[in-house]
Amino acid sequence: MVNKVMVSIIIPVYNVEKYLEECLDSAINQTYRNIEIIVVNDGSTDGSLSILNEYASKYSNLKIINQENKGLSAARNSGLKQVKGKYVYFLDSDDFIDLTMIEECVDLAEKNDLDIINFDAQVFYDSDFITDFKPDYDRSKILNQDIYSGQDFYKYTINYNAYKAPVWLSFYRLAFLKKNKLDFYEGITHEDELFSAKAFLCATKVMYLCKPYFYRRVRKGSIMTESKSLKNIKGYMIVAEELSKILDTIDNEDTKRVLKKQIFNFYNNCIYLSVLIFDNQDELNIQIRKIRNNILVNFKLIEINKKLLIKCIFPNYYTKRLRKKLAMVLV
């Protein structure tokens, strides 16, 4: 392939010196050569910056942006502002990608005028990390390798339990992101849940490619394995609020129904995490009242599921039932 089209790879970096070289090598050694690599050093305090400086001295297509620690979303947004490529890919700095990924995605995107290409991932574990967390990103038995409208892809994957929000499973056309003013909500966890939903819902053409291009590392201390905190509750709450704002912009009733289902799930996650985090019943009741008030402000959601409102109105009853179930599982 003649490498005429430039692709931008954005890599946020924060204290990942142990994994960084493997990530950078997978970007630098792509079979597709016309690539710019924008690395955003988000205030790292370990040896990550030294590694980045060493790579930047060797590779002219690697650019470093240094900023104080602002979080993953802010780092990605900083990279987006500097992008020169026609296509953009967001790579996490403790993971890596298949060396043919960019070439094959560019070829398909150019031939089919695609907004998004979505693909699968392989999961591997740090040798010193033992966990029951076993994510599965193989959807080849559920999805057909085909081109969909964005809304059809969103509906189908959710209805068949094949929806995956992480942006590292998608390859984007930059003009599409700019046209729809898509960037990352800063200061929250679960930012991909918001970004990906909005992207799929406004995309004209999405292709699913049943290849595991992404290699996902499961390790201690990563964002994906640290999920039980108030930050996670706040993140889910904001995602639900922001997605609620776009309900009226969707004309298709099936799509709207599926989006409401997702919003319900995010609020449900808030309640579930609250039960796990708060041992004190009074503190738990205060937290669930906050969630309830947030839901009631969004009156459109009341029609989704009465069970959600019951959990909020009678938190003591729900808490006892859930803790009893958890106790049975842990026996």
Protein backbone atom coordinates (compact mmCIF):
# COMPACT_ATOMS: atom_id res chain seq x y z
CA MET A 1 0.00 0.00 0.00
CA VAL A 2 1.21 3.51 -0.78
CA ASN A 3 1.25 5.24 2.63
CA LYS A 4 -0.24 8.56 1.55
CA VAL A 5 -2.79 9.04 4.31
CA MET A 6 -1.43 10.13 7.68
CA VAL A 7 -2.67 8.42 10.86
CA SER A 8 -2.29 9.91 14.34
CA ILE A 9 -1.83 7.66 17.37
CA ILE A 10 -2.49 9.39 20.70
CA ILE A 11 -0.90 7.78 23.77
CA PRO A 12 -1.58 9.26 27.23
CA VAL A 13 1.20 8.32 29.66
CA TYR A 14 1.16 8.32 33.44
CA ASN A 15 3.66 6.31 35.51
CA VAL A 16 3.92 3.26 33.25
CA GLU A 17 7.70 2.89 32.93
CA LYS A 18 7.41 -0.90 33.26
CA TYR A 19 5.17 -1.23 30.19
CA LEU A 20 5.89 1.84 28.08
CA GLU A 21 8.53 0.50 25.71
CA GLU A 22 6.34 -2.41 24.62
CA CYS A 23 3.53 0.02 23.87
CA LEU A 24 5.72 2.48 21.95
CA ASP A 25 7.38 -0.29 19.94
CA SER A 26 3.98 -1.54 18.76
CA ALA A 27 3.14 1.95 17.46
CA ILE A 28 6.53 2.71 15.92
CA ASN A 29 6.91 -0.64 14.17
CA GLN A 30 3.57 -0.62 12.36
CA THR A 31 3.68 -1.94 8.80
CA TYR A 32 1.97 1.31 7.81
CA ARG A 33 4.62 4.02 7.87
CA ASN A 34 2.87 7.39 7.56
CA ILE A 35 2.12 7.73 11.26
CA GLU A 36 2.55 10.49 13.81
CA ILE A 37 2.71 9.39 17.44
CA ILE A 38 1.53 12.00 19.93
CA VAL A 39 2.51 11.02 23.46
CA VAL A 40 0.96 13.07 26.26
CA ASN A 41 3.00 12.82 29.45
CA ASP A 42 0.34 13.49 32.08
CA GLY A 43 2.64 14.50 34.94
CA SER A 44 4.46 11.18 35.34
CA THR A 45 6.68 10.94 38.43
CA ASP A 46 8.50 7.71 37.54
CA GLY A 47 10.93 7.05 34.68
CA SER A 48 8.32 7.35 31.92
CA LEU A 49 9.51 10.76 30.67
CA SER A 50 13.11 9.56 30.36
CA ILE A 51 11.93 6.68 28.19
CA LEU A 52 9.86 9.07 26.07
CA ASN A 53 12.79 11.43 25.58
CA GLU A 54 14.99 8.54 24.49
CA TYR A 55 12.41 7.42 21.90
CA ALA A 56 11.82 10.99 20.68
CA SER A 57 15.55 11.36 20.02
CA LYS A 58 15.44 8.29 17.77
CA TYR A 59 12.10 8.72 15.99
CA SER A 60 11.19 12.01 14.34
CA ASN A 61 7.49 11.09 14.11
CA LEU A 62 7.14 10.86 17.90
CA LYS A 63 6.05 14.08 19.60
CA ILE A 64 5.89 14.59 23.37
CA ILE A 65 3.39 16.88 25.07
CA ASN A 66 4.16 17.51 28.75
CA GLN A 67 1.41 18.64 31.11
CA GLU A 68 0.57 18.50 34.80
CA ASN A 69 -1.50 15.53 35.87
CA LYS A 70 -5.06 16.12 34.67
CA GLY A 71 -6.28 12.59 33.98
CA LEU A 72 -6.85 10.35 30.98
CA SER A 73 -9.55 12.43 29.28
CA ALA A 74 -7.58 15.67 29.48
CA ALA A 75 -4.49 13.93 28.10
CA ARG A 76 -6.43 12.55 25.14
CA ASN A 77 -7.97 15.96 24.48
CA SER A 78 -4.52 17.56 24.53
CA GLY A 79 -3.42 15.05 21.92
CA LEU A 80 -6.52 15.64 19.79
CA LYS A 81 -5.71 19.35 19.55
CA GLN A 82 -2.36 18.51 17.91
CA VAL A 83 -3.52 15.84 15.47
CA LYS A 84 -2.54 16.20 11.80
CA GLY A 85 -3.70 12.82 10.50
CA LYS A 86 -6.83 11.92 8.57
CA TYR A 87 -7.49 9.12 11.06
CA VAL A 88 -6.87 8.90 14.79
CA TYR A 89 -6.39 6.03 17.22
CA PHE A 90 -6.24 6.18 21.03
CA LEU A 91 -3.75 3.72 22.54
CA ASP A 92 -3.33 3.13 26.28
CA SER A 93 0.29 3.18 27.41
CA ASP A 94 0.25 -0.12 29.33
CA ASP A 95 -1.14 -2.07 26.37
CA PHE A 96 -0.04 -2.62 22.77
CA ILE A 97 -1.41 -3.26 19.27
CA ASP A 98 -0.90 -5.70 16.41
CA LEU A 99 1.73 -4.45 13.97
CA THR A 100 -0.65 -4.66 10.98
CA MET A 101 -3.56 -2.84 12.63
CA ILE A 102 -3.09 0.64 11.19
CA GLU A 103 -2.43 -0.59 7.65
CA GLU A 104 -5.50 -2.80 7.54
CA CYS A 105 -7.76 -0.17 9.13
CA VAL A 106 -6.62 2.56 6.73
CA ASP A 107 -7.22 0.28 3.76
CA LEU A 108 -10.78 -0.53 4.84
CA ALA A 109 -11.61 3.03 5.92
CA GLU A 110 -10.45 4.47 2.60
CA LYS A 111 -12.25 1.88 0.47
CA ASN A 112 -15.54 2.16 2.37
CA ASP A 113 -15.60 5.81 3.54
CA LEU A 114 -15.95 4.73 7.18
CA ASP A 115 -16.38 6.90 10.25
CA ILE A 116 -15.41 4.18 12.72
CA ILE A 117 -13.82 0.73 12.55
CA ASN A 118 -14.48 -1.38 15.65
CA PHE A 119 -12.49 -4.54 16.41
CA ASP A 120 -11.71 -7.03 19.17
CA ALA A 121 -8.94 -7.53 21.74
CA GLN A 122 -6.88 -10.26 23.32
CA VAL A 123 -6.49 -10.21 27.11
CA PHE A 124 -3.32 -11.11 28.96
CA TYR A 125 -2.35 -10.89 32.63
CA ASP A 126 0.68 -9.67 34.50
CA SER A 127 2.46 -12.74 35.85
CA ASP A 128 2.38 -11.40 39.42
CA PHE A 129 -1.30 -10.44 39.38
CA ILE A 130 -4.03 -12.87 40.42
CA THR A 131 -7.62 -11.81 39.81
CA ASP A 132 -11.12 -13.06 39.08
CA PHE A 133 -11.55 -10.15 36.64
CA LYS A 134 -11.64 -11.84 33.23
CA PRO A 135 -12.94 -9.51 30.51
CA ASP A 136 -13.84 -11.00 27.14
CA TYR A 137 -13.46 -8.92 23.97
CA ASP A 138 -14.04 -11.66 21.39
CA ARG A 139 -17.31 -10.99 19.56
CA SER A 140 -16.58 -12.96 16.40
CA LYS A 141 -19.36 -15.48 17.15
CA ILE A 142 -21.94 -12.73 17.72
CA LEU A 143 -21.22 -10.06 15.12
CA ASN A 144 -20.84 -10.31 11.37
CA GLN A 145 -17.86 -8.57 9.83
CA ASP A 146 -19.89 -5.98 7.99
CA ILE A 147 -20.74 -2.29 7.62
CA TYR A 148 -23.54 -0.87 9.78
CA SER A 149 -25.09 2.50 10.42
CA GLY A 150 -23.85 3.81 13.75
CA GLN A 151 -27.25 3.53 15.42
CA ASP A 152 -27.82 0.01 14.11
CA PHE A 153 -24.40 -1.06 15.42
CA TYR A 154 -25.12 0.49 18.81
CA LYS A 155 -28.54 -1.18 19.08
CA TYR A 156 -27.41 -4.57 17.84
CA THR A 157 -24.34 -4.84 20.06
CA ILE A 158 -26.26 -3.81 23.18
CA ASN A 159 -29.20 -6.12 22.47
CA TYR A 160 -26.84 -9.08 21.94
CA ASN A 161 -24.51 -8.24 24.83
CA ALA A 162 -21.65 -7.42 22.45
CA TYR A 163 -21.25 -3.71 23.10
CA LYS A 164 -17.77 -2.60 24.15
CA ALA A 165 -17.14 1.04 25.03
CA PRO A 166 -13.32 1.31 25.29
CA VAL A 167 -12.04 3.66 22.60
CA TRP A 168 -8.94 1.52 22.05
CA LEU A 169 -11.26 -0.87 20.20
CA SER A 170 -12.05 1.79 17.58
CA PHE A 171 -10.26 3.57 14.74
CA TYR A 172 -11.78 6.99 13.94
CA ARG A 173 -11.91 9.40 11.02
CA LEU A 174 -10.81 12.74 12.43
CA ALA A 175 -13.21 14.81 10.29
CA PHE A 176 -16.09 12.79 11.78
CA LEU A 177 -14.95 13.57 15.34
CA LYS A 178 -14.57 17.27 14.55
CA LYS A 179 -17.89 17.55 12.72
CA ASN A 180 -19.72 16.13 15.71
CA LYS A 181 -17.58 17.97 18.29
CA LEU A 182 -16.58 14.74 19.97
CA ASP A 183 -14.00 14.93 22.73
CA PHE A 184 -13.59 13.42 26.19
CA TYR A 185 -15.42 14.56 29.32
CA GLU A 186 -12.64 15.53 31.72
CA GLY A 187 -12.31 14.67 35.38
CA ILE A 188 -14.34 11.45 35.47
CA THR A 189 -13.90 7.70 35.18
CA HIS A 190 -15.91 5.77 32.57
CA GLU A 191 -15.31 8.54 30.04
CA ASP A 192 -15.28 5.96 27.23
CA GLU A 193 -18.88 5.00 28.02
CA LEU A 194 -19.91 8.54 27.13
CA PHE A 195 -17.57 9.14 24.20
CA SER A 196 -18.27 5.84 22.43
CA ALA A 197 -22.04 6.02 22.82
CA LYS A 198 -22.13 9.52 21.35
CA ALA A 199 -19.77 8.50 18.54
CA PHE A 200 -21.74 5.42 17.49
CA LEU A 201 -25.07 7.25 17.71
CA CYS A 202 -24.00 9.93 15.23
CA ALA A 203 -21.83 7.79 12.92
CA THR A 204 -23.01 7.17 9.36
CA LYS A 205 -20.86 4.12 8.62
CA VAL A 206 -19.31 1.76 11.17
CA MET A 207 -17.48 -1.44 10.29
CA TYR A 208 -16.93 -4.31 12.68
CA LEU A 209 -13.69 -6.16 11.99
CA CYS A 210 -13.45 -9.53 13.74
CA LYS A 211 -9.73 -9.35 14.46
CA PRO A 212 -8.12 -8.98 17.92
CA TYR A 213 -5.84 -6.08 17.05
CA PHE A 214 -5.57 -4.81 20.61
CA TYR A 215 -3.63 -6.53 23.41
CA ARG A 216 -5.22 -5.65 26.73
CA ARG A 217 -3.10 -5.99 29.85
CA VAL A 218 -4.85 -6.76 33.13
CA ARG A 219 -2.67 -5.59 36.01
CA LYS A 220 -2.89 -4.45 39.59
CA GLY A 221 -3.65 -0.75 39.97
CA SER A 222 -4.98 -0.16 36.46
CA ILE A 223 -8.14 1.93 36.00
CA MET A 224 -10.05 -1.12 34.77
CA THR A 225 -9.30 -3.23 37.87
CA GLU A 226 -9.93 -0.51 40.47
CA SER A 227 -13.70 -0.16 40.09
CA LYS A 228 -15.22 0.15 43.58
CA SER A 229 -14.89 3.80 44.59
CA LEU A 230 -16.87 7.02 44.84
CA LYS A 231 -15.10 8.18 41.67
CA ASN A 232 -16.74 5.33 39.79
CA ILE A 233 -20.17 6.26 41.12
CA LYS A 234 -19.63 9.88 40.10
CA GLY A 235 -18.44 8.75 36.68
CA TYR A 236 -21.49 6.60 36.02
CA MET A 237 -23.78 9.38 37.26
CA ILE A 238 -22.29 11.96 34.90
CA VAL A 239 -22.38 9.55 31.96
CA ALA A 240 -26.08 8.91 32.65
CA GLU A 241 -26.78 12.64 32.90
CA GLU A 242 -24.94 13.48 29.68
CA LEU A 243 -26.55 10.68 27.68
CA SER A 244 -29.96 11.77 28.95
CA LYS A 245 -29.37 15.15 27.31
CA ILE A 246 -29.22 13.61 23.83
CA LEU A 247 -32.39 11.52 24.09
CA ASP A 248 -34.47 14.20 22.40
CA THR A 249 -32.05 14.40 19.47
CA ILE A 250 -32.73 10.78 18.48
CA ASP A 251 -35.67 10.19 16.14
CA ASN A 252 -35.56 6.40 15.96
CA GLU A 253 -37.69 4.96 18.77
CA ASP A 254 -35.80 1.66 18.91
CA THR A 255 -32.51 3.51 19.31
CA LYS A 256 -34.03 5.73 21.98
CA ARG A 257 -35.30 2.69 23.88
CA VAL A 258 -31.85 1.07 23.84
CA LEU A 259 -30.19 4.28 25.00
CA LYS A 260 -32.67 4.55 27.87
CA LYS A 261 -31.80 0.98 28.80
CA GLN A 262 -28.12 1.93 28.96
CA ILE A 263 -28.84 4.98 31.09
CA PHE A 264 -30.84 2.78 33.46
CA ASN A 265 -27.86 0.40 33.69
CA PHE A 266 -25.51 3.24 34.64
CA TYR A 267 -27.82 4.36 37.45
CA ASN A 268 -28.18 0.75 38.54
CA ASN A 269 -24.37 0.52 38.71
CA CYS A 270 -24.34 3.60 40.95
CA ILE A 271 -26.72 1.95 43.40
CA TYR A 272 -24.89 -1.38 43.34
CA LEU A 273 -21.49 0.24 43.96
CA SER A 274 -22.96 2.34 46.77
CA VAL A 275 -24.06 -0.82 48.58
CA LEU A 276 -20.56 -2.29 48.22
CA ILE A 277 -18.80 0.87 49.40
CA PHE A 278 -20.95 2.12 52.31
CA ASP A 279 -21.15 -0.15 55.36
CA ASN A 280 -23.03 2.46 57.38
CA GLN A 281 -26.72 2.35 56.47
CA ASP A 282 -27.29 6.06 57.15
CA GLU A 283 -24.41 7.03 54.84
CA LEU A 284 -25.74 4.62 52.23
CA ASN A 285 -29.22 6.14 52.43
CA ILE A 286 -27.77 9.62 51.88
CA GLN A 287 -25.86 8.39 48.83
CA ILE A 288 -28.88 6.64 47.33
CA ARG A 289 -31.01 9.74 47.88
CA LYS A 290 -28.49 11.66 45.77
CA ILE A 291 -28.89 9.07 43.03
CA ARG A 292 -32.68 9.14 43.34
CA ASN A 293 -32.78 12.92 43.05
CA ASN A 294 -30.58 12.75 39.99
CA ILE A 295 -32.96 10.28 38.36
CA LEU A 296 -36.07 12.26 39.23
CA VAL A 297 -34.62 15.40 37.69
CA ASN A 298 -34.57 13.33 34.53
CA PHE A 299 -38.29 12.61 34.44
CA LYS A 300 -37.98 10.84 31.05
CA LEU A 301 -36.22 7.96 32.78
CA ILE A 302 -39.09 7.12 35.12
CA GLU A 303 -40.70 5.07 32.37
CA ILE A 304 -37.61 2.88 31.96
CA ASN A 305 -37.81 0.52 34.86
CA LYS A 306 -39.85 0.69 38.05
CA LYS A 307 -37.33 -1.53 39.83
CA LEU A 308 -34.77 1.26 39.66
CA LEU A 309 -37.07 3.69 41.46
CA ILE A 310 -38.01 1.06 44.04
CA LYS A 311 -34.32 0.60 44.86
CA CYS A 312 -34.02 4.34 45.42
CA ILE A 313 -37.23 4.74 47.41
CA PHE A 314 -36.66 1.67 49.61
CA PRO A 315 -32.85 1.43 49.91
CA ASN A 316 -32.91 -0.53 53.19
CA TYR A 317 -34.92 -3.36 51.63
CA TYR A 318 -32.74 -3.49 48.52
CA THR A 319 -29.53 -3.35 50.57
CA LYS A 320 -30.54 -6.29 52.75
CA ARG A 321 -31.42 -8.40 49.71
CA LEU A 322 -28.19 -7.57 47.86
CA ARG A 323 -25.94 -8.15 50.86
CA LYS A 324 -27.66 -11.47 51.51
CA LYS A 325 -26.95 -12.53 47.90
CA LEU A 326 -23.33 -11.41 48.16
CA ALA A 327 -22.89 -13.33 51.41
CA MET A 328 -24.19 -16.50 49.75
CA VAL A 329 -21.74 -16.07 46.86
CA LEU A 330 -18.78 -15.57 49.20
CA VAL A 331 -19.53 -18.63 51.35
